Protein backbone atom coordinates (compact mmCIF):
# COMPACT_ATOMS: atom_id res chain seq x y z
CA MET A 1 32.60 -3.18 -3.25
CA ILE A 2 32.93 -1.64 0.25
CA ALA A 3 29.28 -2.40 1.11
CA GLU A 4 29.78 -6.12 0.34
CA LYS A 5 32.90 -6.19 2.52
CA LEU A 6 30.99 -4.70 5.28
CA ARG A 7 28.41 -7.51 5.20
CA GLU A 8 31.08 -10.20 4.92
CA PRO A 9 33.70 -9.65 7.66
CA ASP A 10 36.70 -11.87 8.22
CA PRO A 11 35.52 -14.66 10.69
CA LYS A 12 38.92 -14.77 12.23
CA MET A 13 38.53 -11.36 13.80
CA ASN A 14 37.74 -11.50 17.56
CA ARG A 15 38.60 -8.04 18.93
CA PHE A 16 35.96 -6.26 16.89
CA HIS A 17 32.32 -7.26 17.28
CA LEU A 18 31.41 -8.86 13.95
CA ALA A 19 27.77 -8.19 14.40
CA ASP A 20 28.58 -4.47 14.41
CA VAL A 21 30.39 -4.77 11.03
CA ARG A 22 27.46 -6.75 9.56
CA ALA A 23 25.05 -4.15 10.79
CA LEU A 24 26.63 -1.33 8.68
CA ILE A 25 23.81 -0.44 6.40
CA ALA A 26 23.75 -0.87 2.60
CA PRO A 27 24.26 2.00 0.14
CA GLY A 28 20.66 2.09 -0.94
CA GLU A 29 19.40 2.77 2.54
CA PRO A 30 17.73 6.26 2.77
CA MET A 31 19.78 7.15 5.90
CA VAL A 32 23.03 6.43 4.06
CA MET A 33 21.86 8.45 1.06
CA ALA A 34 21.21 11.40 3.41
CA VAL A 35 24.64 10.99 4.94
CA GLU A 36 26.16 10.94 1.47
CA GLN A 37 24.42 14.18 0.38
CA THR A 38 25.67 15.88 3.53
CA LEU A 39 29.35 14.77 3.34
CA ALA A 40 29.40 15.43 -0.42
CA HIS A 41 28.24 19.01 0.02
CA GLY A 42 30.76 21.33 -1.63
CA HIS A 43 33.10 18.48 -2.69
CA GLY A 44 31.53 17.45 -5.91
CA TRP A 45 31.80 13.66 -5.38
CA SER A 46 29.19 11.02 -5.16
CA ARG A 47 29.26 7.55 -3.47
CA SER A 48 30.40 5.84 -6.69
CA ALA A 49 33.02 8.42 -7.56
CA ALA A 50 34.23 9.28 -4.05
CA PRO A 51 37.72 8.26 -2.82
CA VAL A 52 37.82 5.17 -0.66
CA ALA A 53 38.15 7.21 2.53
CA GLU A 54 34.97 9.09 1.87
CA ARG A 55 33.07 5.96 0.97
CA ILE A 56 34.13 4.31 4.20
CA ALA A 57 33.07 7.51 6.10
CA ILE A 58 29.67 7.44 4.48
CA SER A 59 29.02 3.76 5.58
CA ILE A 60 30.27 4.24 9.13
CA ALA A 61 28.46 7.62 9.48
CA GLY A 62 25.21 5.98 8.43
CA ALA A 63 25.77 3.13 10.97
CA ILE A 64 26.41 5.67 13.69
CA VAL A 65 23.31 7.82 12.87
CA CYS A 66 21.17 4.74 12.85
CA ASP A 67 22.59 3.42 16.16
CA HIS A 68 24.04 0.29 14.60
CA LEU A 69 27.25 1.50 16.23
CA SER A 70 26.64 2.50 19.79
CA PRO A 71 27.97 5.68 21.63
CA GLY A 72 31.22 4.94 23.29
CA GLN A 73 31.96 1.85 21.15
CA ARG A 74 35.54 1.44 19.95
CA LEU A 75 36.35 1.49 16.25
CA PRO A 76 39.69 -0.34 16.06
CA GLU A 77 41.48 0.71 12.96
CA LYS A 78 43.21 -2.61 12.20
CA GLU A 79 40.04 -4.78 12.55
CA LEU A 80 37.85 -2.36 10.71
CA SER A 81 40.30 -2.15 7.89
CA ALA A 82 40.40 -5.97 7.63
CA ALA A 83 36.59 -6.10 7.66
CA LEU A 84 36.48 -3.51 4.83
CA GLY A 85 39.21 -5.15 2.82
CA VAL A 86 41.21 -1.92 2.61
CA SER A 87 44.54 -0.59 3.86
CA ARG A 88 44.64 1.24 7.15
CA ALA A 89 45.46 4.66 5.50
CA PRO A 90 41.96 5.27 4.08
CA THR A 91 40.29 3.93 7.19
CA ARG A 92 42.33 6.35 9.23
CA GLU A 93 41.35 9.25 6.97
CA ALA A 94 37.71 8.20 7.21
CA MET A 95 37.92 8.41 10.96
CA ARG A 96 39.33 11.86 10.61
CA ILE A 97 36.40 12.96 8.44
CA LEU A 98 34.06 11.54 11.03
CA GLU A 99 35.91 13.32 13.79
CA ARG A 100 35.41 16.62 11.89
CA GLU A 101 31.69 15.83 11.85
CA ARG A 102 31.82 15.13 15.59
CA LEU A 103 30.53 11.56 15.07
CA VAL A 104 33.65 9.94 16.57
CA ASP A 105 36.23 10.99 19.23
CA PHE A 106 39.86 10.02 19.70
CA GLN A 107 40.55 9.16 23.22
CA ALA A 108 43.79 8.32 25.07
CA ARG A 109 44.43 4.60 25.38
CA ARG A 110 41.08 3.80 23.70
CA GLY A 111 41.68 5.14 20.26
CA CYS A 112 38.64 5.96 18.05
CA VAL A 113 35.27 5.64 19.61
CA VAL A 114 31.68 6.56 18.58
CA ALA A 115 30.87 9.97 20.10
CA GLU A 116 28.61 9.91 23.18
CA LEU A 117 25.19 11.49 23.21
CA ASP A 118 24.29 13.56 26.21
CA GLU A 119 21.91 16.31 27.28
CA LYS A 120 24.65 19.01 27.15
CA GLU A 121 25.37 18.31 23.43
CA VAL A 122 21.58 18.39 22.71
CA MET A 123 21.17 21.79 24.33
CA GLU A 124 24.20 23.29 22.73
CA LEU A 125 23.46 21.85 19.30
CA PHE A 126 19.88 23.07 19.13
CA ALA A 127 20.76 26.49 20.52
CA VAL A 128 23.18 27.03 17.64
CA ARG A 129 20.67 25.57 15.19
CA SER A 130 17.92 27.86 16.43
CA THR A 131 20.03 30.98 15.92
CA LEU A 132 21.20 29.84 12.44
CA HIS A 133 17.66 28.95 11.40
CA GLU A 134 16.37 32.33 12.27
CA ILE A 135 19.00 34.02 10.10
CA LEU A 136 18.34 31.45 7.35
CA PHE A 137 14.54 31.81 7.14
CA ALA A 138 14.67 35.61 7.62
CA GLN A 139 16.87 35.91 4.56
CA LEU A 140 14.95 33.44 2.51
CA MET A 141 11.73 35.10 3.19
CA ALA A 142 13.23 38.43 2.03
CA GLU A 143 15.06 37.18 -1.04
CA GLN A 144 13.84 33.65 -1.96
CA ARG A 145 10.22 33.39 -0.82
CA PRO A 146 8.71 31.91 -4.07
CA ALA A 147 11.55 29.38 -4.22
CA LEU A 148 11.10 28.48 -0.59
CA ALA A 149 7.37 28.04 -0.97
CA SER A 150 7.77 25.89 -4.11
CA LEU A 151 10.47 23.61 -2.46
CA ILE A 152 8.34 23.01 0.66
CA ALA A 153 5.18 22.33 -1.48
CA GLN A 154 7.13 19.80 -3.58
CA ARG A 155 8.23 17.83 -0.59
CA LEU A 156 5.05 17.96 1.58
CA ALA A 157 3.26 15.18 -0.46
CA ARG A 158 6.27 13.00 -0.02
CA LEU A 159 6.40 13.68 3.70
CA ASP A 160 2.73 12.92 3.98
CA ALA A 161 3.30 9.44 2.55
CA LEU A 162 6.44 8.86 4.68
CA GLN A 163 4.54 9.53 7.96
CA HIS A 164 2.81 6.14 7.53
CA GLY A 165 6.08 4.21 7.14
CA PRO A 166 9.16 3.64 9.42
CA THR A 167 10.01 6.62 11.42
CA ASP A 168 13.57 6.58 9.93
CA HIS A 169 12.17 7.21 6.51
CA TYR A 170 10.26 10.33 7.65
CA ALA A 171 13.31 11.48 9.61
CA VAL A 172 15.36 11.26 6.40
CA GLY A 173 12.64 12.97 4.29
CA SER A 174 12.31 15.93 6.72
CA TYR A 175 16.11 16.19 7.04
CA LEU A 176 16.57 16.28 3.25
CA LEU A 177 13.94 19.08 3.02
CA ASN A 178 15.97 21.00 5.65
CA LEU A 179 19.12 20.41 3.73
CA SER A 180 17.58 21.57 0.46
CA ILE A 181 16.36 24.75 2.25
CA VAL A 182 19.83 25.37 3.56
CA HIS A 183 21.21 25.12 0.01
CA LEU A 184 18.79 27.84 -1.11
CA CYS A 185 20.52 30.37 1.12
CA GLY A 186 22.80 32.95 -0.36
CA ASN A 187 24.65 33.43 2.92
CA ARG A 188 27.31 30.83 2.43
CA LEU A 189 28.56 31.15 6.02
CA VAL A 190 25.19 30.36 7.44
CA ALA A 191 24.76 27.44 4.91
CA ASP A 192 28.18 26.01 5.78
CA LEU A 193 27.65 26.26 9.54
CA LEU A 194 24.30 24.48 9.34
CA THR A 195 25.79 21.75 7.10
CA SER A 196 28.68 21.38 9.56
CA ILE A 197 26.21 20.33 12.35
CA ALA A 198 23.78 18.50 10.03
CA LEU A 199 24.77 14.94 10.74
CA ARG A 200 24.86 15.46 14.51
CA THR A 201 21.35 16.98 14.20
CA LEU A 202 20.13 14.05 12.04
CA ARG A 203 21.46 11.58 14.69
CA HIS A 204 19.38 13.29 17.39
CA LEU A 205 16.28 13.86 15.20
CA ARG A 206 16.27 10.21 14.12
CA ARG A 207 16.48 9.09 17.74
CA GLY A 208 13.72 11.47 18.77
CA HIS A 209 11.29 10.20 16.08
CA ALA A 210 12.21 6.53 16.77
CA THR A 211 11.73 6.85 20.55
CA PHE A 212 8.49 8.93 20.23
CA PRO A 213 6.70 8.06 16.98
CA ALA A 214 3.95 10.55 17.71
CA SER A 215 6.44 13.28 17.09
CA VAL A 216 6.24 12.52 13.39
CA ALA A 217 2.67 13.77 13.07
CA ARG A 218 3.61 16.94 14.99
CA SER A 219 6.63 17.55 12.66
CA LEU A 220 4.50 17.22 9.51
CA HIS A 221 1.90 19.55 10.96
CA SER A 222 4.57 22.18 11.56
CA TRP A 223 5.91 21.81 7.93
CA ARG A 224 2.31 22.51 6.66
CA ALA A 225 1.96 25.53 8.99
CA ILE A 226 5.30 26.92 7.86
CA HIS A 227 4.35 26.51 4.18
CA ARG A 228 1.08 28.38 4.73
CA ALA A 229 2.93 31.21 6.46
CA VAL A 230 5.54 31.37 3.58
CA MET A 231 2.76 31.52 1.03
CA LEU A 232 1.19 34.44 2.91
CA GLY A 233 4.53 36.23 3.23
CA ASP A 234 4.17 36.36 6.99
CA THR A 235 7.82 36.39 8.01
CA ALA A 236 7.11 36.82 11.79
CA ARG A 237 4.79 33.77 11.75
CA VAL A 238 7.48 31.75 9.80
CA LEU A 239 10.13 32.62 12.37
CA THR A 240 7.76 31.77 15.29
CA LEU A 241 6.91 28.42 13.76
CA ILE A 242 10.61 27.66 13.03
CA GLN A 243 11.47 28.38 16.75
CA GLU A 244 8.57 26.14 17.88
CA ARG A 245 9.74 23.43 15.51
CA THR A 246 13.33 23.67 16.91
CA ASP A 247 11.98 23.59 20.52
CA ASP A 248 9.93 20.45 19.73
CA ALA A 249 12.97 18.72 18.15
CA ARG A 250 15.12 19.64 21.10
CA THR A 251 12.56 18.30 23.62
CA ALA A 252 12.17 15.01 21.72
CA SER A 253 15.96 14.63 21.44
CA LEU A 254 16.50 15.29 25.13
CA ASN A 255 13.75 12.77 26.10
CA ALA A 256 15.36 10.16 23.74
CA VAL A 257 18.80 10.63 25.44
CA ARG A 258 17.07 10.38 28.89
CA ALA A 259 15.08 7.31 27.95
CA LYS A 260 18.34 5.66 26.56
CA ASP A 261 20.13 6.51 29.78
CA GLN A 262 17.36 5.12 31.99
CA LYS A 263 17.42 1.83 29.90
CA ASN A 264 21.12 1.51 30.26
CA HIS A 265 20.88 1.84 34.07
């Protein structure tokens, strides 16, 4: 299995950091499961049934989102293929999948590298997300309010339990709630656009919660307030709370990027 290959790299490799390959997380990890659900959206495949390239993309995307692979780090195709025990063709295709998700970049003379995180990306990403979420929730309140209220209610108990565990687990729970809400939307363009930026968003949200654990309680409080407003049918209040939630997430993500930059310098 690919996950086993990831944990047992070829000891003869010396160009690729072996610790980075060993750190690629296992398929049962919540973060990898969240990545799988995102990448599988609209394709009808699961981790067990997906082509090799998609399975590789899931594992590497999970490692990038969890910071097991650092921004700017090279992902040499030859060494990575050897570590995975696959030919270079599916590895190359996996890198193209991750490039479309903006998790990796192809650079002249360096090849494939993990995409950098900076303040500009945070500002642009959350500006787009804010606009799309306003459209999303306005439409759901008009057309799917009972389903929206039911969905949030179902997940709140789970989120309440997750707030006392690792911040990554809460980040995944909140992210999957967001993803499920997106899938309720009848506007496929909005849903597809939000899904297309979902993994980049998760990468930042996870960092924000990990760097500032107190943000978890604030996030859970906002979900409860949103649920109350949905139950009351108060669309204006829902949209205000969604905007505040996006602003909080952007601030936490910006501060996480700044904290990382200060640590590196």
